[in-house]
């Protein structure tokens, strides 16, 4: 779960099936609802810039999930219909955030 403390790191490592090589996305909390991209996997780097700060738009919360979106107009692909999403799972005490690009 994200505490939204300035300087907090949000990291998600995964292994794409295509390469089998682990990749990491890492963001730093600037303030609640605002992040700075520290590291991007290949796919995310086609949408986000390392070192850039992004305001996140919250979606309506569920009891088990907070969902945040990077506004597409602030990404490298503003004409895309894709969404860059941050999931903050509240369903377990040790749940970790995750990232996704929704097409």
C-alpha atoms as a PDB file:
ATOM      1  CA  UNK A   1       0.000   0.000   0.000  1.00  0.00           C
ATOM      2  CA  UNK A   2       1.244   3.499  -0.852  1.00  0.00           C
ATOM      3  CA  UNK A   3       1.652   5.892   2.097  1.00  0.00           C
ATOM      4  CA  UNK A   4       2.022   8.948  -0.194  1.00  0.00           C
ATOM      5  CA  UNK A   5       4.973  10.297   1.785  1.00  0.00           C
ATOM      6  CA  UNK A   6       7.327  12.560  -0.233  1.00  0.00           C
ATOM      7  CA  UNK A   7      10.369  10.547  -1.302  1.00  0.00           C
ATOM      8  CA  UNK A   8       8.567   7.198  -0.997  1.00  0.00           C
ATOM      9  CA  UNK A   9       9.515   4.815  -3.817  1.00  0.00           C
ATOM     10  CA  UNK A  10       6.884   2.803  -5.681  1.00  0.00           C
ATOM     11  CA  UNK A  11       8.488  -0.070  -7.539  1.00  0.00           C
ATOM     12  CA  UNK A  12       7.160  -2.988  -9.562  1.00  0.00           C
ATOM     13  CA  UNK A  13       9.394  -5.641 -11.132  1.00  0.00           C
ATOM     14  CA  UNK A  14       8.019  -8.169 -13.594  1.00  0.00           C
ATOM     15  CA  UNK A  15       9.327 -10.614 -16.188  1.00  0.00           C
ATOM     16  CA  UNK A  16       7.865 -10.290 -19.696  1.00  0.00           C
ATOM     17  CA  UNK A  17       7.158 -13.630 -21.331  1.00  0.00           C
ATOM     18  CA  UNK A  18       8.734 -12.479 -24.600  1.00  0.00           C
ATOM     19  CA  UNK A  19      12.208 -11.844 -23.159  1.00  0.00           C
ATOM     20  CA  UNK A  20      12.296 -13.630 -19.822  1.00  0.00           C
ATOM     21  CA  UNK A  21      14.396 -10.716 -18.511  1.00  0.00           C
ATOM     22  CA  UNK A  22      13.106  -8.918 -15.377  1.00  0.00           C
ATOM     23  CA  UNK A  23      12.194  -5.250 -15.875  1.00  0.00           C
ATOM     24  CA  UNK A  24      11.371  -2.598 -13.288  1.00  0.00           C
ATOM     25  CA  UNK A  25       9.197   0.490 -13.199  1.00  0.00           C
ATOM     26  CA  UNK A  26       9.991   2.828 -10.317  1.00  0.00           C
ATOM     27  CA  UNK A  27       8.296   6.067  -9.359  1.00  0.00           C
ATOM     28  CA  UNK A  28       8.939   8.462  -6.478  1.00  0.00           C
ATOM     29  CA  UNK A  29       6.137  10.181  -4.579  1.00  0.00           C
ATOM     30  CA  UNK A  30       6.401  13.978  -4.808  1.00  0.00           C
ATOM     31  CA  UNK A  31       3.124  14.521  -2.950  1.00  0.00           C
ATOM     32  CA  UNK A  32      -0.239  12.796  -2.843  1.00  0.00           C
ATOM     33  CA  UNK A  33      -1.330  12.289  -6.444  1.00  0.00           C
ATOM     34  CA  UNK A  34       1.969  13.426  -7.962  1.00  0.00           C
ATOM     35  CA  UNK A  35       4.887  11.181  -8.896  1.00  0.00           C
ATOM     36  CA  UNK A  36       8.293  11.421 -10.531  1.00  0.00           C
ATOM     37  CA  UNK A  37       9.449   8.633 -12.866  1.00  0.00           C
ATOM     38  CA  UNK A  38      12.767   7.181 -11.673  1.00  0.00           C
ATOM     39  CA  UNK A  39      12.996   4.130 -13.947  1.00  0.00           C
ATOM     40  CA  UNK A  40      10.877   2.705 -16.790  1.00  0.00           C
ATOM     41  CA  UNK A  41      10.798  -0.610 -18.556  1.00  0.00           C
ATOM     42  CA  UNK A  42      11.002  -0.533 -22.350  1.00  0.00           C
ATOM     43  CA  UNK A  43       7.239  -0.451 -22.867  1.00  0.00           C
ATOM     44  CA  UNK A  44       6.552   2.270 -20.288  1.00  0.00           C
ATOM     45  CA  UNK A  45       9.361   4.447 -21.657  1.00  0.00           C
ATOM     46  CA  UNK A  46       7.359   4.821 -24.863  1.00  0.00           C
ATOM     47  CA  UNK A  47       4.746   6.688 -22.751  1.00  0.00           C
ATOM     48  CA  UNK A  48       6.660   8.250 -19.835  1.00  0.00           C
ATOM     49  CA  UNK A  49       9.915  10.180 -19.467  1.00  0.00           C
ATOM     50  CA  UNK A  50      12.445   9.315 -16.769  1.00  0.00           C
ATOM     51  CA  UNK A  51      12.925  12.323 -14.499  1.00  0.00           C
ATOM     52  CA  UNK A  52       9.570  13.897 -15.362  1.00  0.00           C
ATOM     53  CA  UNK A  53       6.856  14.579 -12.776  1.00  0.00           C
ATOM     54  CA  UNK A  54       3.250  13.575 -13.474  1.00  0.00           C
ATOM     55  CA  UNK A  55      -0.008  14.544 -11.803  1.00  0.00           C
ATOM     56  CA  UNK A  56      -2.190  11.465 -11.306  1.00  0.00           C
ATOM     57  CA  UNK A  57      -5.966  11.447 -11.634  1.00  0.00           C
ATOM     58  CA  UNK A  58      -7.720   9.264  -9.064  1.00  0.00           C
ATOM     59  CA  UNK A  59     -10.517   6.952 -10.141  1.00  0.00           C
ATOM     60  CA  UNK A  60     -13.421   6.171  -7.833  1.00  0.00           C
ATOM     61  CA  UNK A  61     -11.997   3.980  -5.048  1.00  0.00           C
ATOM     62  CA  UNK A  62     -13.101   0.481  -4.228  1.00  0.00           C
ATOM     63  CA  UNK A  63     -12.779  -0.995  -0.730  1.00  0.00           C
ATOM     64  CA  UNK A  64      -9.844  -3.116  -1.941  1.00  0.00           C
ATOM     65  CA  UNK A  65      -8.238  -0.830  -4.546  1.00  0.00           C
ATOM     66  CA  UNK A  66      -7.153   2.746  -5.226  1.00  0.00           C
ATOM     67  CA  UNK A  67      -6.638   3.387  -8.941  1.00  0.00           C
ATOM     68  CA  UNK A  68      -4.676   6.338 -10.353  1.00  0.00           C
ATOM     69  CA  UNK A  69      -4.199   7.338 -13.993  1.00  0.00           C
ATOM     70  CA  UNK A  70      -1.511   9.394 -15.697  1.00  0.00           C
ATOM     71  CA  UNK A  71      -3.521  11.724 -17.971  1.00  0.00           C
ATOM     72  CA  UNK A  72      -2.791  10.571 -21.521  1.00  0.00           C
ATOM     73  CA  UNK A  73      -2.338  14.146 -22.740  1.00  0.00           C
ATOM     74  CA  UNK A  74       0.740  14.465 -20.482  1.00  0.00           C
ATOM     75  CA  UNK A  75       2.427  11.342 -21.911  1.00  0.00           C
ATOM     76  CA  UNK A  76       4.625  10.896 -24.995  1.00  0.00           C
ATOM     77  CA  UNK A  77       1.591   9.486 -26.843  1.00  0.00           C
ATOM     78  CA  UNK A  78      -1.190  12.036 -26.248  1.00  0.00           C
ATOM     79  CA  UNK A  79      -3.201  10.788 -29.237  1.00  0.00           C
ATOM     80  CA  UNK A  80      -3.240   7.234 -27.951  1.00  0.00           C
ATOM     81  CA  UNK A  81      -6.296   5.700 -26.350  1.00  0.00           C
ATOM     82  CA  UNK A  82      -4.082   3.896 -23.841  1.00  0.00           C
ATOM     83  CA  UNK A  83      -4.089   4.562 -20.105  1.00  0.00           C
ATOM     84  CA  UNK A  84      -1.030   4.436 -17.826  1.00  0.00           C
ATOM     85  CA  UNK A  85      -2.389   3.117 -14.538  1.00  0.00           C
ATOM     86  CA  UNK A  86      -1.122   2.746 -10.980  1.00  0.00           C
ATOM     87  CA  UNK A  87      -2.949   0.211  -8.827  1.00  0.00           C
ATOM     88  CA  UNK A  88      -2.698   0.548  -5.051  1.00  0.00           C
ATOM     89  CA  UNK A  89      -4.121  -2.641  -3.597  1.00  0.00           C
ATOM     90  CA  UNK A  90      -5.750  -2.305  -0.160  1.00  0.00           C
ATOM     91  CA  UNK A  91      -6.933  -5.904   0.142  1.00  0.00           C
ATOM     92  CA  UNK A  92      -3.949  -7.231   2.135  1.00  0.00           C
ATOM     93  CA  UNK A  93      -1.626  -5.534   4.643  1.00  0.00           C
ATOM     94  CA  UNK A  94       1.492  -6.401   2.618  1.00  0.00           C
ATOM     95  CA  UNK A  95       0.000  -5.745  -0.836  1.00  0.00           C
ATOM     96  CA  UNK A  96       2.350  -4.006  -3.276  1.00  0.00           C
ATOM     97  CA  UNK A  97       1.348  -1.425  -5.914  1.00  0.00           C
ATOM     98  CA  UNK A  98       1.499  -2.368  -9.584  1.00  0.00           C
ATOM     99  CA  UNK A  99       1.599  -0.572 -12.933  1.00  0.00           C
ATOM    100  CA  UNK A 100      -0.127  -1.252 -16.231  1.00  0.00           C
ATOM    101  CA  UNK A 101      -0.705   0.258 -19.636  1.00  0.00           C
ATOM    102  CA  UNK A 102      -4.293  -0.432 -20.623  1.00  0.00           C
ATOM    103  CA  UNK A 103      -4.906  -0.444 -24.375  1.00  0.00           C
END
